[in-house]
Each structure stands twice: as C-alpha cells, then as structure tokens.
Amino acid sequence: MEIVIVFVYIVLFFIALVLSFASFKYFITMWKFKNRKKDGSEDEDFKRFD
C-alpha cells in the first residue's frame, strides 16, 4: 500500500514541476511584453497578444 502512496506523491511532484515551469515561462513572456519598446520594433514576438 505504501508503494501506491509514494507513486502518487511522485506523480503530483511532476505535475507541480511542469506547472511551475509553465508559469515561469509565462511570467518571462509577460514581463518582456510589458517592457517592450513603444515603436513596434519588437511586435513580431507579440502578435498573438495584440
């Protein structure tokens, strides 16, 4: 029975790891989007947000 509990903990750990990595990537993208130049020179990276 303990093996099942350990397996569940490992699965939850990997799910949390993937979610935190995705959140970190999203945070970096939003930070770049917030601090982009106003002349539109960087807009190729952010077409999906406009």
PDB file of N, CA and C in Angstrom:
ATOM      1  N   MET A   1       0.820  -1.202   0.000  1.00  0.00           N
ATOM      2  CA  MET A   1       0.000   0.000   0.000  1.00  0.00           C
ATOM      3  C   MET A   1       0.865   1.268   0.000  1.00  0.00           C
ATOM      4  N   GLU A   2       2.024   1.198   0.656  1.00  0.00           N
ATOM      5  CA  GLU A   2       2.882   2.380   0.713  1.00  0.00           C
ATOM      6  C   GLU A   2       3.441   2.731  -0.663  1.00  0.00           C
ATOM      7  N   ILE A   3       3.592   1.714  -1.513  1.00  0.00           N
ATOM      8  CA  ILE A   3       4.132   1.949  -2.858  1.00  0.00           C
ATOM      9  C   ILE A   3       3.183   2.858  -3.653  1.00  0.00           C
ATOM     10  N   VAL A   4       1.881   2.632  -3.487  1.00  0.00           N
ATOM     11  CA  VAL A   4       0.888   3.447  -4.206  1.00  0.00           C
ATOM     12  C   VAL A   4       0.966   4.898  -3.739  1.00  0.00           C
ATOM     13  N   ILE A   5       1.120   5.105  -2.451  1.00  0.00           N
ATOM     14  CA  ILE A   5       1.201   6.469  -1.910  1.00  0.00           C
ATOM     15  C   ILE A   5       2.449   7.183  -2.443  1.00  0.00           C
ATOM     16  N   VAL A   6       3.574   6.491  -2.464  1.00  0.00           N
ATOM     17  CA  VAL A   6       4.811   7.079  -2.976  1.00  0.00           C
ATOM     18  C   VAL A   6       4.657   7.403  -4.459  1.00  0.00           C
ATOM     19  N   PHE A   7       4.016   6.514  -5.205  1.00  0.00           N
ATOM     20  CA  PHE A   7       3.796   6.755  -6.630  1.00  0.00           C
ATOM     21  C   PHE A   7       2.921   7.985  -6.845  1.00  0.00           C
ATOM     22  N   VAL A   8       1.885   8.148  -6.033  1.00  0.00           N
ATOM     23  CA  VAL A   8       1.006   9.324  -6.142  1.00  0.00           C
ATOM     24  C   VAL A   8       1.791  10.594  -5.834  1.00  0.00           C
ATOM     25  N   TYR A   9       2.642  10.549  -4.816  1.00  0.00           N
ATOM     26  CA  TYR A   9       3.456  11.720  -4.495  1.00  0.00           C
ATOM     27  C   TYR A   9       4.394  12.082  -5.645  1.00  0.00           C
ATOM     28  N   ILE A  10       4.988  11.079  -6.284  1.00  0.00           N
ATOM     29  CA  ILE A  10       5.895  11.337  -7.398  1.00  0.00           C
ATOM     30  C   ILE A  10       5.135  11.960  -8.562  1.00  0.00           C
ATOM     31  N   VAL A  11       3.949  11.439  -8.873  1.00  0.00           N
ATOM     32  CA  VAL A  11       3.142  11.991  -9.959  1.00  0.00           C
ATOM     33  C   VAL A  11       2.752  13.434  -9.657  1.00  0.00           C
ATOM     34  N   LEU A  12       2.307  13.700  -8.438  1.00  0.00           N
ATOM     35  CA  LEU A  12       1.934  15.067  -8.072  1.00  0.00           C
ATOM     36  C   LEU A  12       3.130  16.013  -8.121  1.00  0.00           C
ATOM     37  N   PHE A  13       4.291  15.513  -7.745  1.00  0.00           N
ATOM     38  CA  PHE A  13       5.503  16.325  -7.803  1.00  0.00           C
ATOM     39  C   PHE A  13       5.809  16.719  -9.242  1.00  0.00           C
ATOM     40  N   PHE A  14       5.699  15.769 -10.174  1.00  0.00           N
ATOM     41  CA  PHE A  14       5.985  16.087 -11.572  1.00  0.00           C
ATOM     42  C   PHE A  14       4.953  17.038 -12.147  1.00  0.00           C
ATOM     43  N   ILE A  15       3.698  16.896 -11.765  1.00  0.00           N
ATOM     44  CA  ILE A  15       2.665  17.827 -12.228  1.00  0.00           C
ATOM     45  C   ILE A  15       2.972  19.239 -11.724  1.00  0.00           C
ATOM     46  N   ALA A  16       3.336  19.351 -10.464  1.00  0.00           N
ATOM     47  CA  ALA A  16       3.669  20.662  -9.896  1.00  0.00           C
ATOM     48  C   ALA A  16       4.900  21.252 -10.579  1.00  0.00           C
ATOM     49  N   LEU A  17       5.860  20.414 -10.900  1.00  0.00           N
ATOM     50  CA  LEU A  17       7.071  20.883 -11.565  1.00  0.00           C
ATOM     51  C   LEU A  17       6.748  21.435 -12.952  1.00  0.00           C
ATOM     52  N   VAL A  18       5.933  20.721 -13.708  1.00  0.00           N
ATOM     53  CA  VAL A  18       5.561  21.175 -15.051  1.00  0.00           C
ATOM     54  C   VAL A  18       4.767  22.475 -14.974  1.00  0.00           C
ATOM     55  N   LEU A  19       3.830  22.562 -14.044  1.00  0.00           N
ATOM     56  CA  LEU A  19       3.027  23.779 -13.910  1.00  0.00           C
ATOM     57  C   LEU A  19       3.882  24.978 -13.501  1.00  0.00           C
ATOM     58  N   SER A  20       4.826  24.769 -12.601  1.00  0.00           N
ATOM     59  CA  SER A  20       5.663  25.890 -12.178  1.00  0.00           C
ATOM     60  C   SER A  20       6.577  26.340 -13.315  1.00  0.00           C
ATOM     61  N   PHE A  21       7.056  25.395 -14.124  1.00  0.00           N
ATOM     62  CA  PHE A  21       7.887  25.767 -15.267  1.00  0.00           C
ATOM     63  C   PHE A  21       7.071  26.551 -16.290  1.00  0.00           C
ATOM     64  N   ALA A  22       5.839  26.128 -16.547  1.00  0.00           N
ATOM     65  CA  ALA A  22       4.978  26.842 -17.489  1.00  0.00           C
ATOM     66  C   ALA A  22       4.657  28.242 -16.971  1.00  0.00           C
ATOM     67  N   SER A  23       4.400  28.357 -15.677  1.00  0.00           N
ATOM     68  CA  SER A  23       4.124  29.672 -15.094  1.00  0.00           C
ATOM     69  C   SER A  23       5.335  30.588 -15.199  1.00  0.00           C
ATOM     70  N   PHE A  24       6.518  30.027 -15.004  1.00  0.00           N
ATOM     71  CA  PHE A  24       7.742  30.823 -15.095  1.00  0.00           C
ATOM     72  C   PHE A  24       7.942  31.330 -16.519  1.00  0.00           C
ATOM     73  N   LYS A  25       7.723  30.468 -17.518  1.00  0.00           N
ATOM     74  CA  LYS A  25       7.846  30.896 -18.912  1.00  0.00           C
ATOM     75  C   LYS A  25       6.817  31.981 -19.242  1.00  0.00           C
ATOM     76  N   TYR A  26       5.601  31.831 -18.743  1.00  0.00           N
ATOM     77  CA  TYR A  26       4.553  32.825 -18.974  1.00  0.00           C
ATOM     78  C   TYR A  26       4.923  34.158 -18.324  1.00  0.00           C
ATOM     79  N   PHE A  27       5.483  34.095 -17.104  1.00  0.00           N
ATOM     80  CA  PHE A  27       5.907  35.313 -16.410  1.00  0.00           C
ATOM     81  C   PHE A  27       6.981  36.050 -17.195  1.00  0.00           C
ATOM     82  N   ILE A  28       7.957  35.332 -17.739  1.00  0.00           N
ATOM     83  CA  ILE A  28       9.018  35.957 -18.527  1.00  0.00           C
ATOM     84  C   ILE A  28       8.436  36.601 -19.783  1.00  0.00           C
ATOM     85  N   THR A  29       7.517  35.900 -20.450  1.00  0.00           N
ATOM     86  CA  THR A  29       6.910  36.452 -21.666  1.00  0.00           C
ATOM     87  C   THR A  29       6.120  37.711 -21.357  1.00  0.00           C
ATOM     88  N   MET A  30       5.346  37.691 -20.291  1.00  0.00           N
ATOM     89  CA  MET A  30       4.552  38.872 -19.930  1.00  0.00           C
ATOM     90  C   MET A  30       5.454  40.028 -19.505  1.00  0.00           C
ATOM     91  N   TRP A  31       6.562  39.710 -18.832  1.00  0.00           N
ATOM     92  CA  TRP A  31       7.494  40.753 -18.420  1.00  0.00           C
ATOM     93  C   TRP A  31       8.107  41.423 -19.649  1.00  0.00           C
ATOM     94  N   LYS A  32       8.475  40.611 -20.657  1.00  0.00           N
ATOM     95  CA  LYS A  32       9.004  41.176 -21.897  1.00  0.00           C
ATOM     96  C   LYS A  32       7.934  42.005 -22.603  1.00  0.00           C
ATOM     97  N   PHE A  33       6.693  41.503 -22.600  1.00  0.00           N
ATOM     98  CA  PHE A  33       5.603  42.206 -23.270  1.00  0.00           C
ATOM     99  C   PHE A  33       5.349  43.557 -22.609  1.00  0.00           C
ATOM    100  N   LYS A  34       5.411  43.598 -21.283  1.00  0.00           N
ATOM    101  CA  LYS A  34       5.169  44.831 -20.542  1.00  0.00           C
ATOM    102  C   LYS A  34       6.284  45.841 -20.794  1.00  0.00           C
ATOM    103  N   ASN A  35       7.499  45.357 -20.965  1.00  0.00           N
ATOM    104  CA  ASN A  35       8.644  46.250 -21.110  1.00  0.00           C
ATOM    105  C   ASN A  35       9.110  46.399 -22.557  1.00  0.00           C
ATOM    106  N   ARG A  36       8.264  46.075 -23.523  1.00  0.00           N
ATOM    107  CA  ARG A  36       8.687  46.174 -24.915  1.00  0.00           C
ATOM    108  C   ARG A  36       8.784  47.627 -25.362  1.00  0.00           C
ATOM    109  N   LYS A  37       9.490  47.836 -26.445  1.00  0.00           N
ATOM    110  CA  LYS A  37       9.639  49.187 -26.980  1.00  0.00           C
ATOM    111  C   LYS A  37       8.314  49.662 -27.553  1.00  0.00           C
ATOM    112  N   LYS A  38       8.067  50.956 -27.465  1.00  0.00           N
ATOM    113  CA  LYS A  38       6.787  51.500 -27.904  1.00  0.00           C
ATOM    114  C   LYS A  38       6.736  51.747 -29.418  1.00  0.00           C
ATOM    115  N   ASP A  39       7.877  51.667 -30.110  1.00  0.00           N
ATOM    116  CA  ASP A  39       7.869  51.971 -31.538  1.00  0.00           C
ATOM    117  C   ASP A  39       7.436  50.790 -32.398  1.00  0.00           C
ATOM    118  N   GLY A  40       7.150  49.642 -31.792  1.00  0.00           N
ATOM    119  CA  GLY A  40       6.655  48.496 -32.538  1.00  0.00           C
ATOM    120  C   GLY A  40       7.745  47.645 -33.155  1.00  0.00           C
ATOM    121  N   SER A  41       8.989  47.869 -32.801  1.00  0.00           N
ATOM    122  CA  SER A  41      10.070  47.100 -33.428  1.00  0.00           C
ATOM    123  C   SER A  41      10.100  45.651 -32.945  1.00  0.00           C
ATOM    124  N   GLU A  42       9.509  45.361 -31.789  1.00  0.00           N
ATOM    125  CA  GLU A  42       9.530  44.004 -31.243  1.00  0.00           C
ATOM    126  C   GLU A  42       8.189  43.299 -31.399  1.00  0.00           C
ATOM    127  N   ASP A  43       7.291  43.842 -32.196  1.00  0.00           N
ATOM    128  CA  ASP A  43       5.935  43.312 -32.240  1.00  0.00           C
ATOM    129  C   ASP A  43       5.815  41.950 -32.911  1.00  0.00           C
ATOM    130  N   GLU A  44       6.840  41.496 -33.630  1.00  0.00           N
ATOM    131  CA  GLU A  44       6.756  40.172 -34.244  1.00  0.00           C
ATOM    132  C   GLU A  44       6.613  39.087 -33.189  1.00  0.00           C
ATOM    133  N   ASP A  45       7.222  39.288 -32.016  1.00  0.00           N
ATOM    134  CA  ASP A  45       7.148  38.286 -30.948  1.00  0.00           C
ATOM    135  C   ASP A  45       5.793  38.279 -30.255  1.00  0.00           C
ATOM    136  N   PHE A  46       5.021  39.357 -30.381  1.00  0.00           N
ATOM    137  CA  PHE A  46       3.830  39.514 -29.557  1.00  0.00           C
ATOM    138  C   PHE A  46       2.564  39.672 -30.382  1.00  0.00           C
ATOM    139  N   LYS A  47       2.560  39.159 -31.613  1.00  0.00           N
ATOM    140  CA  LYS A  47       1.360  39.310 -32.441  1.00  0.00           C
ATOM    141  C   LYS A  47       0.137  38.640 -31.812  1.00  0.00           C
ATOM    142  N   ARG A  48       0.357  37.553 -31.079  1.00  0.00           N
ATOM    143  CA  ARG A  48      -0.790  36.833 -30.523  1.00  0.00           C
ATOM    144  C   ARG A  48      -1.416  37.569 -29.332  1.00  0.00           C
ATOM    145  N   PHE A  49      -0.723  38.565 -28.769  1.00  0.00           N
ATOM    146  CA  PHE A  49      -1.281  39.310 -27.629  1.00  0.00           C
ATOM    147  C   PHE A  49      -2.032  40.558 -28.052  1.00  0.00           C
ATOM    148  N   ASP A  50      -1.715  41.076 -29.236  1.00  0.00           N
ATOM    149  CA  ASP A  50      -2.337  42.334 -29.678  1.00  0.00           C
ATOM    150  C   ASP A  50      -3.706  42.103 -30.302  1.00  0.00           C
TER     151      ASP A  50
END
